[in-house]
mmCIF file of all heavy atoms, coordinates in Angstrom:
data_MODEL
# 
_entry.id   MODEL 
# 
loop_
_atom_site.group_PDB 
_atom_site.id 
_atom_site.type_symbol 
_atom_site.label_atom_id 
_atom_site.label_alt_id 
_atom_site.label_comp_id 
_atom_site.label_asym_id 
_atom_site.label_entity_id 
_atom_site.label_seq_id 
_atom_site.pdbx_PDB_ins_code 
_atom_site.Cartn_x 
_atom_site.Cartn_y 
_atom_site.Cartn_z 
_atom_site.occupancy 
_atom_site.B_iso_or_equiv 
_atom_site.pdbx_formal_charge 
_atom_site.auth_seq_id 
_atom_site.auth_comp_id 
_atom_site.auth_asym_id 
_atom_site.auth_atom_id 
_atom_site.pdbx_PDB_model_num 
ATOM 1   N N   . LEU A 1 1  ? -18.998 -10.213 -0.290  1.00 0.00 ? 1  LEU A N   1 
ATOM 2   C CA  . LEU A 1 1  ? -17.947 -9.500  0.354   1.00 0.00 ? 1  LEU A CA  1 
ATOM 3   C C   . LEU A 1 1  ? -18.404 -8.085  0.695   1.00 0.00 ? 1  LEU A C   1 
ATOM 4   O O   . LEU A 1 1  ? -18.848 -7.371  -0.177  1.00 0.00 ? 1  LEU A O   1 
ATOM 5   C CB  . LEU A 1 1  ? -16.722 -9.437  -0.555  1.00 0.00 ? 1  LEU A CB  1 
ATOM 6   C CG  . LEU A 1 1  ? -16.117 -10.789 -0.992  1.00 0.00 ? 1  LEU A CG  1 
ATOM 7   C CD1 . LEU A 1 1  ? -15.085 -10.556 -2.078  1.00 0.00 ? 1  LEU A CD1 1 
ATOM 8   C CD2 . LEU A 1 1  ? -15.538 -11.517 0.164   1.00 0.00 ? 1  LEU A CD2 1 
ATOM 9   N N   . ASP A 1 2  ? -18.333 -7.710  1.961   1.00 0.00 ? 2  ASP A N   1 
ATOM 10  C CA  . ASP A 1 2  ? -18.697 -6.398  2.413   1.00 0.00 ? 2  ASP A CA  1 
ATOM 11  C C   . ASP A 1 2  ? -17.508 -5.462  2.460   1.00 0.00 ? 2  ASP A C   1 
ATOM 12  O O   . ASP A 1 2  ? -16.375 -5.901  2.761   1.00 0.00 ? 2  ASP A O   1 
ATOM 13  C CB  . ASP A 1 2  ? -19.300 -6.425  3.827   1.00 0.00 ? 2  ASP A CB  1 
ATOM 14  C CG  . ASP A 1 2  ? -20.756 -6.757  3.864   1.00 0.00 ? 2  ASP A CG  1 
ATOM 15  O OD1 . ASP A 1 2  ? -21.424 -6.654  2.809   1.00 0.00 ? 2  ASP A OD1 1 
ATOM 16  O OD2 . ASP A 1 2  ? -21.278 -7.077  4.964   1.00 0.00 ? 2  ASP A OD2 1 
ATOM 17  N N   . VAL A 1 3  ? -17.733 -4.181  2.168   1.00 0.00 ? 3  VAL A N   1 
ATOM 18  C CA  . VAL A 1 3  ? -16.697 -3.162  2.275   1.00 0.00 ? 3  VAL A CA  1 
ATOM 19  C C   . VAL A 1 3  ? -16.939 -2.463  3.620   1.00 0.00 ? 3  VAL A C   1 
ATOM 20  O O   . VAL A 1 3  ? -18.038 -2.021  3.935   1.00 0.00 ? 3  VAL A O   1 
ATOM 21  C CB  . VAL A 1 3  ? -16.816 -2.153  1.153   1.00 0.00 ? 3  VAL A CB  1 
ATOM 22  C CG1 . VAL A 1 3  ? -15.792 -1.038  1.336   1.00 0.00 ? 3  VAL A CG1 1 
ATOM 23  C CG2 . VAL A 1 3  ? -16.622 -2.835  -0.199  1.00 0.00 ? 3  VAL A CG2 1 
ATOM 24  N N   . THR A 1 4  ? -15.894 -2.398  4.434   1.00 0.00 ? 4  THR A N   1 
ATOM 25  C CA  . THR A 1 4  ? -15.952 -1.653  5.710   1.00 0.00 ? 4  THR A CA  1 
ATOM 26  C C   . THR A 1 4  ? -14.823 -0.609  5.659   1.00 0.00 ? 4  THR A C   1 
ATOM 27  O O   . THR A 1 4  ? -13.722 -0.868  5.235   1.00 0.00 ? 4  THR A O   1 
ATOM 28  C CB  . THR A 1 4  ? -15.781 -2.558  6.936   1.00 0.00 ? 4  THR A CB  1 
ATOM 29  O OG1 . THR A 1 4  ? -14.529 -3.209  6.820   1.00 0.00 ? 4  THR A OG1 1 
ATOM 30  C CG2 . THR A 1 4  ? -16.903 -3.575  7.001   1.00 0.00 ? 4  THR A CG2 1 
ATOM 31  N N   . CYS A 1 5  ? -15.168 0.590   6.124   1.00 0.00 ? 5  CYS A N   1 
ATOM 32  C CA  . CYS A 1 5  ? -14.176 1.708   6.133   1.00 0.00 ? 5  CYS A CA  1 
ATOM 33  C C   . CYS A 1 5  ? -14.084 2.300   7.513   1.00 0.00 ? 5  CYS A C   1 
ATOM 34  O O   . CYS A 1 5  ? -15.108 2.550   8.176   1.00 0.00 ? 5  CYS A O   1 
ATOM 35  C CB  . CYS A 1 5  ? -14.594 2.776   5.124   1.00 0.00 ? 5  CYS A CB  1 
ATOM 36  S SG  . CYS A 1 5  ? -14.765 2.136   3.453   1.00 0.00 ? 5  CYS A SG  1 
ATOM 37  N N   . ALA A 1 6  ? -12.847 2.611   7.924   1.00 0.00 ? 6  ALA A N   1 
ATOM 38  C CA  . ALA A 1 6  ? -12.581 3.133   9.236   1.00 0.00 ? 6  ALA A CA  1 
ATOM 39  C C   . ALA A 1 6  ? -12.768 4.674   9.325   1.00 0.00 ? 6  ALA A C   1 
ATOM 40  O O   . ALA A 1 6  ? -12.813 5.202   10.445  1.00 0.00 ? 6  ALA A O   1 
ATOM 41  C CB  . ALA A 1 6  ? -11.156 2.792   9.679   1.00 0.00 ? 6  ALA A CB  1 
ATOM 42  N N   . ASN A 1 7  ? -12.920 5.330   8.213   1.00 0.00 ? 7  ASN A N   1 
ATOM 43  C CA  . ASN A 1 7  ? -13.067 6.806   8.206   1.00 0.00 ? 7  ASN A CA  1 
ATOM 44  C C   . ASN A 1 7  ? -14.517 7.128   7.814   1.00 0.00 ? 7  ASN A C   1 
ATOM 45  O O   . ASN A 1 7  ? -15.041 6.635   6.828   1.00 0.00 ? 7  ASN A O   1 
ATOM 46  C CB  . ASN A 1 7  ? -12.058 7.351   7.179   1.00 0.00 ? 7  ASN A CB  1 
ATOM 47  C CG  . ASN A 1 7  ? -11.992 8.876   7.267   1.00 0.00 ? 7  ASN A CG  1 
ATOM 48  O OD1 . ASN A 1 7  ? -12.975 9.541   7.386   1.00 0.00 ? 7  ASN A OD1 1 
ATOM 49  N ND2 . ASN A 1 7  ? -10.758 9.367   7.149   1.00 0.00 ? 7  ASN A ND2 1 
ATOM 50  N N   . LYS A 1 8  ? -15.132 8.005   8.623   1.00 0.00 ? 8  LYS A N   1 
ATOM 51  C CA  . LYS A 1 8  ? -16.551 8.390   8.391   1.00 0.00 ? 8  LYS A CA  1 
ATOM 52  C C   . LYS A 1 8  ? -16.828 8.939   6.998   1.00 0.00 ? 8  LYS A C   1 
ATOM 53  O O   . LYS A 1 8  ? -17.917 8.703   6.439   1.00 0.00 ? 8  LYS A O   1 
ATOM 54  C CB  . LYS A 1 8  ? -17.022 9.420   9.418   1.00 0.00 ? 8  LYS A CB  1 
ATOM 55  C CG  . LYS A 1 8  ? -17.187 8.949   10.792  1.00 0.00 ? 8  LYS A CG  1 
ATOM 56  C CD  . LYS A 1 8  ? -17.882 9.957   11.664  1.00 0.00 ? 8  LYS A CD  1 
ATOM 57  C CE  . LYS A 1 8  ? -16.999 11.153  11.919  1.00 0.00 ? 8  LYS A CE  1 
ATOM 58  N NZ  . LYS A 1 8  ? -17.529 12.052  12.992  1.00 0.00 ? 8  LYS A NZ  1 
ATOM 59  N N   . LYS A 1 9  ? -15.900 9.704   6.460   1.00 0.00 ? 9  LYS A N   1 
ATOM 60  C CA  . LYS A 1 9  ? -16.138 10.321  5.180   1.00 0.00 ? 9  LYS A CA  1 
ATOM 61  C C   . LYS A 1 9  ? -16.231 9.284   4.022   1.00 0.00 ? 9  LYS A C   1 
ATOM 62  O O   . LYS A 1 9  ? -16.694 9.616   2.958   1.00 0.00 ? 9  LYS A O   1 
ATOM 63  C CB  . LYS A 1 9  ? -15.096 11.374  4.854   1.00 0.00 ? 9  LYS A CB  1 
ATOM 64  C CG  . LYS A 1 9  ? -13.710 10.872  4.544   1.00 0.00 ? 9  LYS A CG  1 
ATOM 65  C CD  . LYS A 1 9  ? -12.760 11.993  4.272   1.00 0.00 ? 9  LYS A CD  1 
ATOM 66  C CE  . LYS A 1 9  ? -11.364 11.484  4.006   1.00 0.00 ? 9  LYS A CE  1 
ATOM 67  N NZ  . LYS A 1 9  ? -10.436 12.571  3.716   1.00 0.00 ? 9  LYS A NZ  1 
ATOM 68  N N   . LEU A 1 10 ? -15.882 8.033   4.325   1.00 0.00 ? 10 LEU A N   1 
ATOM 69  C CA  . LEU A 1 10 ? -15.930 6.965   3.299   1.00 0.00 ? 10 LEU A CA  1 
ATOM 70  C C   . LEU A 1 10 ? -17.232 6.156   3.393   1.00 0.00 ? 10 LEU A C   1 
ATOM 71  O O   . LEU A 1 10 ? -17.343 5.138   2.751   1.00 0.00 ? 10 LEU A O   1 
ATOM 72  C CB  . LEU A 1 10 ? -14.722 6.074   3.460   1.00 0.00 ? 10 LEU A CB  1 
ATOM 73  C CG  . LEU A 1 10 ? -13.405 6.787   3.070   1.00 0.00 ? 10 LEU A CG  1 
ATOM 74  C CD1 . LEU A 1 10 ? -12.219 5.996   3.599   1.00 0.00 ? 10 LEU A CD1 1 
ATOM 75  C CD2 . LEU A 1 10 ? -13.304 7.002   1.595   1.00 0.00 ? 10 LEU A CD2 1 
ATOM 76  N N   . ARG A 1 11 ? -18.222 6.615   4.147   1.00 0.00 ? 11 ARG A N   1 
ATOM 77  C CA  . ARG A 1 11 ? -19.480 5.874   4.222   1.00 0.00 ? 11 ARG A CA  1 
ATOM 78  C C   . ARG A 1 11 ? -20.129 5.664   2.861   1.00 0.00 ? 11 ARG A C   1 
ATOM 79  O O   . ARG A 1 11 ? -20.757 4.611   2.645   1.00 0.00 ? 11 ARG A O   1 
ATOM 80  C CB  . ARG A 1 11 ? -20.447 6.604   5.159   1.00 0.00 ? 11 ARG A CB  1 
ATOM 81  C CG  . ARG A 1 11 ? -20.066 6.375   6.606   1.00 0.00 ? 11 ARG A CG  1 
ATOM 82  C CD  . ARG A 1 11 ? -21.087 6.880   7.571   1.00 0.00 ? 11 ARG A CD  1 
ATOM 83  N NE  . ARG A 1 11 ? -20.635 6.623   8.925   1.00 0.00 ? 11 ARG A NE  1 
ATOM 84  C CZ  . ARG A 1 11 ? -21.068 7.266   9.961   1.00 0.00 ? 11 ARG A CZ  1 
ATOM 85  N NH1 . ARG A 1 11 ? -21.969 8.207   9.820   1.00 0.00 ? 11 ARG A NH1 1 
ATOM 86  N NH2 . ARG A 1 11 ? -20.599 6.998   11.152  1.00 0.00 ? 11 ARG A NH2 1 
ATOM 87  N N   . PRO A 1 12 ? -20.040 6.608   1.915   1.00 0.00 ? 12 PRO A N   1 
ATOM 88  C CA  . PRO A 1 12 ? -20.621 6.312   0.600   1.00 0.00 ? 12 PRO A CA  1 
ATOM 89  C C   . PRO A 1 12 ? -20.034 5.076   -0.067  1.00 0.00 ? 12 PRO A C   1 
ATOM 90  O O   . PRO A 1 12 ? -20.728 4.371   -0.779  1.00 0.00 ? 12 PRO A O   1 
ATOM 91  C CB  . PRO A 1 12 ? -20.274 7.572   -0.206  1.00 0.00 ? 12 PRO A CB  1 
ATOM 92  C CG  . PRO A 1 12 ? -20.146 8.650   0.786   1.00 0.00 ? 12 PRO A CG  1 
ATOM 93  C CD  . PRO A 1 12 ? -19.545 7.992   1.984   1.00 0.00 ? 12 PRO A CD  1 
ATOM 94  N N   . VAL A 1 13 ? -18.771 4.819   0.207   1.00 0.00 ? 13 VAL A N   1 
ATOM 95  C CA  . VAL A 1 13 ? -18.101 3.589   -0.378  1.00 0.00 ? 13 VAL A CA  1 
ATOM 96  C C   . VAL A 1 13 ? -18.746 2.343   0.236   1.00 0.00 ? 13 VAL A C   1 
ATOM 97  O O   . VAL A 1 13 ? -19.056 1.405   -0.470  1.00 0.00 ? 13 VAL A O   1 
ATOM 98  C CB  . VAL A 1 13 ? -16.595 3.616   -0.133  1.00 0.00 ? 13 VAL A CB  1 
ATOM 99  C CG1 . VAL A 1 13 ? -15.920 2.361   -0.664  1.00 0.00 ? 13 VAL A CG1 1 
ATOM 100 C CG2 . VAL A 1 13 ? -15.948 4.851   -0.760  1.00 0.00 ? 13 VAL A CG2 1 
ATOM 101 N N   . MET A 1 14 ? -19.005 2.373   1.531   1.00 0.00 ? 14 MET A N   1 
ATOM 102 C CA  . MET A 1 14 ? -19.609 1.204   2.181   1.00 0.00 ? 14 MET A CA  1 
ATOM 103 C C   . MET A 1 14 ? -21.005 0.950   1.678   1.00 0.00 ? 14 MET A C   1 
ATOM 104 O O   . MET A 1 14 ? -21.422 -0.216  1.583   1.00 0.00 ? 14 MET A O   1 
ATOM 105 C CB  . MET A 1 14 ? -19.612 1.388   3.709   1.00 0.00 ? 14 MET A CB  1 
ATOM 106 C CG  . MET A 1 14 ? -18.238 1.387   4.332   1.00 0.00 ? 14 MET A CG  1 
ATOM 107 S SD  . MET A 1 14 ? -18.195 1.371   6.127   1.00 0.00 ? 14 MET A SD  1 
ATOM 108 C CE  . MET A 1 14 ? -19.134 2.824   6.547   1.00 0.00 ? 14 MET A CE  1 
ATOM 109 N N   . GLY A 1 15 ? -21.733 2.006   1.335   1.00 0.00 ? 15 GLY A N   1 
ATOM 110 C CA  . GLY A 1 15 ? -23.093 1.842   0.836   1.00 0.00 ? 15 GLY A CA  1 
ATOM 111 C C   . GLY A 1 15 ? -23.219 1.500   -0.614  1.00 0.00 ? 15 GLY A C   1 
ATOM 112 O O   . GLY A 1 15 ? -24.155 0.828   -1.017  1.00 0.00 ? 15 GLY A O   1 
ATOM 113 N N   . ALA A 1 16 ? -22.235 1.911   -1.395  1.00 0.00 ? 16 ALA A N   1 
ATOM 114 C CA  . ALA A 1 16 ? -22.359 1.745   -2.873  1.00 0.00 ? 16 ALA A CA  1 
ATOM 115 C C   . ALA A 1 16 ? -21.506 0.606   -3.453  1.00 0.00 ? 16 ALA A C   1 
ATOM 116 O O   . ALA A 1 16 ? -21.691 0.214   -4.589  1.00 0.00 ? 16 ALA A O   1 
ATOM 117 C CB  . ALA A 1 16 ? -21.972 3.047   -3.577  1.00 0.00 ? 16 ALA A CB  1 
ATOM 118 N N   . CYS A 1 17 ? -20.555 0.129   -2.675  1.00 0.00 ? 17 CYS A N   1 
ATOM 119 C CA  . CYS A 1 17 ? -19.617 -0.911  -3.215  1.00 0.00 ? 17 CYS A CA  1 
ATOM 120 C C   . CYS A 1 17 ? -19.693 -2.206  -2.473  1.00 0.00 ? 17 CYS A C   1 
ATOM 121 O O   . CYS A 1 17 ? -20.001 -2.253  -1.286  1.00 0.00 ? 17 CYS A O   1 
ATOM 122 C CB  . CYS A 1 17 ? -18.157 -0.351  -3.105  1.00 0.00 ? 17 CYS A CB  1 
ATOM 123 S SG  . CYS A 1 17 ? -17.886 1.150   -4.002  1.00 0.00 ? 17 CYS A SG  1 
ATOM 124 N N   . GLU A 1 18 ? -19.434 -3.264  -3.184  1.00 0.00 ? 18 GLU A N   1 
ATOM 125 C CA  . GLU A 1 18 ? -19.425 -4.617  -2.616  1.00 0.00 ? 18 GLU A CA  1 
ATOM 126 C C   . GLU A 1 18 ? -18.602 -5.530  -3.516  1.00 0.00 ? 18 GLU A C   1 
ATOM 127 O O   . GLU A 1 18 ? -18.180 -5.162  -4.592  1.00 0.00 ? 18 GLU A O   1 
ATOM 128 C CB  . GLU A 1 18 ? -20.845 -5.165  -2.502  1.00 0.00 ? 18 GLU A CB  1 
ATOM 129 C CG  . GLU A 1 18 ? -21.525 -5.392  -3.834  1.00 0.00 ? 18 GLU A CG  1 
ATOM 130 C CD  . GLU A 1 18 ? -22.938 -5.901  -3.722  1.00 0.00 ? 18 GLU A CD  1 
ATOM 131 O OE1 . GLU A 1 18 ? -23.386 -6.114  -2.570  1.00 0.00 ? 18 GLU A OE1 1 
ATOM 132 O OE2 . GLU A 1 18 ? -23.575 -6.130  -4.719  1.00 0.00 ? 18 GLU A OE2 1 
ATOM 133 N N   . GLY A 1 19 ? -18.361 -6.723  -2.994  1.00 0.00 ? 19 GLY A N   1 
ATOM 134 C CA  . GLY A 1 19 ? -17.628 -7.683  -3.764  1.00 0.00 ? 19 GLY A CA  1 
ATOM 135 C C   . GLY A 1 19 ? -18.372 -9.008  -3.866  1.00 0.00 ? 19 GLY A C   1 
ATOM 136 O O   . GLY A 1 19 ? -19.318 -9.282  -3.073  1.00 0.00 ? 19 GLY A O   1 
ATOM 137 N N   . GLN A 1 20 ? -17.941 -9.800  -4.797  1.00 0.00 ? 20 GLN A N   1 
ATOM 138 C CA  . GLN A 1 20 ? -18.566 -11.118 -5.048  1.00 0.00 ? 20 GLN A CA  1 
ATOM 139 C C   . GLN A 1 20 ? -17.426 -12.150 -5.318  1.00 0.00 ? 20 GLN A C   1 
ATOM 140 O O   . GLN A 1 20 ? -16.561 -11.835 -6.160  1.00 0.00 ? 20 GLN A O   1 
ATOM 141 C CB  . GLN A 1 20 ? -19.509 -11.012 -6.250  1.00 0.00 ? 20 GLN A CB  1 
ATOM 142 C CG  . GLN A 1 20 ? -20.473 -12.118 -6.370  1.00 0.00 ? 20 GLN A CG  1 
ATOM 143 C CD  . GLN A 1 20 ? -21.697 -11.888 -5.546  1.00 0.00 ? 20 GLN A CD  1 
ATOM 144 O OE1 . GLN A 1 20 ? -21.974 -10.800 -5.079  1.00 0.00 ? 20 GLN A OE1 1 
ATOM 145 N NE2 . GLN A 1 20 ? -22.445 -12.950 -5.277  1.00 0.00 ? 20 GLN A NE2 1 
ATOM 146 N N   . MET A 1 21 ? -17.510 -13.304 -4.727  1.00 0.00 ? 21 MET A N   1 
ATOM 147 C CA  . MET A 1 21 ? -16.511 -14.359 -4.984  1.00 0.00 ? 21 MET A CA  1 
ATOM 148 C C   . MET A 1 21 ? -17.190 -15.525 -5.746  1.00 0.00 ? 21 MET A C   1 
ATOM 149 O O   . MET A 1 21 ? -17.516 -16.529 -5.139  1.00 0.00 ? 21 MET A O   1 
ATOM 150 C CB  . MET A 1 21 ? -15.905 -14.862 -3.675  1.00 0.00 ? 21 MET A CB  1 
ATOM 151 C CG  . MET A 1 21 ? -14.885 -13.974 -3.145  1.00 0.00 ? 21 MET A CG  1 
ATOM 152 S SD  . MET A 1 21 ? -13.774 -14.754 -1.938  1.00 0.00 ? 21 MET A SD  1 
ATOM 153 C CE  . MET A 1 21 ? -14.808 -15.831 -1.009  1.00 0.00 ? 21 MET A CE  1 
ATOM 154 N N   . THR A 1 22 ? -17.368 -15.353 -7.011  1.00 0.00 ? 22 THR A N   1 
ATOM 155 C CA  . THR A 1 22 ? -17.967 -16.425 -7.792  1.00 0.00 ? 22 THR A CA  1 
ATOM 156 C C   . THR A 1 22 ? -16.949 -17.345 -8.372  1.00 0.00 ? 22 THR A C   1 
ATOM 157 O O   . THR A 1 22 ? -17.244 -18.470 -8.742  1.00 0.00 ? 22 THR A O   1 
ATOM 158 C CB  . THR A 1 22 ? -18.835 -15.820 -8.934  1.00 0.00 ? 22 THR A CB  1 
ATOM 159 O OG1 . THR A 1 22 ? -18.002 -14.983 -9.735  1.00 0.00 ? 22 THR A OG1 1 
ATOM 160 C CG2 . THR A 1 22 ? -19.989 -15.047 -8.419  1.00 0.00 ? 22 THR A CG2 1 
ATOM 161 N N   . ARG A 1 23 ? -15.676 -16.848 -8.472  1.00 0.00 ? 23 ARG A N   1 
ATOM 162 C CA  . ARG A 1 23 ? -14.632 -17.644 -9.088  1.00 0.00 ? 23 ARG A CA  1 
ATOM 163 C C   . ARG A 1 23 ? -13.518 -17.985 -8.061  1.00 0.00 ? 23 ARG A C   1 
ATOM 164 O O   . ARG A 1 23 ? -12.389 -18.284 -8.427  1.00 0.00 ? 23 ARG A O   1 
ATOM 165 C CB  . ARG A 1 23 ? -14.011 -16.963 -10.282 1.00 0.00 ? 23 ARG A CB  1 
ATOM 166 C CG  . ARG A 1 23 ? -15.016 -16.852 -11.422 1.00 0.00 ? 23 ARG A CG  1 
ATOM 167 C CD  . ARG A 1 23 ? -14.414 -16.046 -12.555 1.00 0.00 ? 23 ARG A CD  1 
ATOM 168 N NE  . ARG A 1 23 ? -14.833 -14.664 -12.361 1.00 0.00 ? 23 ARG A NE  1 
ATOM 169 C CZ  . ARG A 1 23 ? -14.430 -13.661 -13.104 1.00 0.00 ? 23 ARG A CZ  1 
ATOM 170 N NH1 . ARG A 1 23 ? -13.578 -13.883 -14.077 1.00 0.00 ? 23 ARG A NH1 1 
ATOM 171 N NH2 . ARG A 1 23 ? -14.854 -12.467 -12.868 1.00 0.00 ? 23 ARG A NH2 1 
ATOM 172 N N   . GLY A 1 24 ? -13.815 -17.858 -6.775  1.00 0.00 ? 24 GLY A N   1 
ATOM 173 C CA  . GLY A 1 24 ? -12.840 -18.208 -5.754  1.00 0.00 ? 24 GLY A CA  1 
ATOM 174 C C   . GLY A 1 24 ? -12.028 -17.009 -5.289  1.00 0.00 ? 24 GLY A C   1 
ATOM 175 O O   . GLY A 1 24 ? -12.220 -15.882 -5.716  1.00 0.00 ? 24 GLY A O   1 
ATOM 176 N N   . LEU A 1 25 ? -11.117 -17.275 -4.360  1.00 0.00 ? 25 LEU A N   1 
ATOM 177 C CA  . LEU A 1 25 ? -10.293 -16.245 -3.713  1.00 0.00 ? 25 LEU A CA  1 
ATOM 178 C C   . LEU A 1 25 ? -9.363  -15.514 -4.679  1.00 0.00 ? 25 LEU A C   1 
ATOM 179 O O   . LEU A 1 25 ? -8.990  -14.356 -4.457  1.00 0.00 ? 25 LEU A O   1 
ATOM 180 C CB  . LEU A 1 25 ? -9.468  -16.824 -2.629  1.00 0.00 ? 25 LEU A CB  1 
ATOM 181 C CG  . LEU A 1 25 ? -10.193 -17.286 -1.358  1.00 0.00 ? 25 LEU A CG  1 
ATOM 182 C CD1 . LEU A 1 25 ? -9.213  -18.025 -0.441  1.00 0.00 ? 25 LEU A CD1 1 
ATOM 183 C CD2 . LEU A 1 25 ? -10.820 -16.107 -0.660  1.00 0.00 ? 25 LEU A CD2 1 
ATOM 184 N N   . SER A 1 26 ? -8.987  -16.168 -5.777  1.00 0.00 ? 26 SER A N   1 
ATOM 185 C CA  . SER A 1 26 ? -8.001  -15.596 -6.645  1.00 0.00 ? 26 SER A CA  1 
ATOM 186 C C   . SER A 1 26 ? -8.572  -14.473 -7.584  1.00 0.00 ? 26 SER A C   1 
ATOM 187 O O   . SER A 1 26 ? -7.778  -13.680 -8.112  1.00 0.00 ? 26 SER A O   1 
ATOM 188 C CB  . SER A 1 26 ? -7.346  -16.664 -7.521  1.00 0.00 ? 26 SER A CB  1 
ATOM 189 O OG  . SER A 1 26 ? -8.339  -17.249 -8.351  1.00 0.00 ? 26 SER A OG  1 
# 
């Protein structure tokens, strides 16, 4: 799962954070 942010100042969040779905959507 990728993090995308609409505000430029949040680029560090896009580079440092991510998600993983190992146990499904829930």
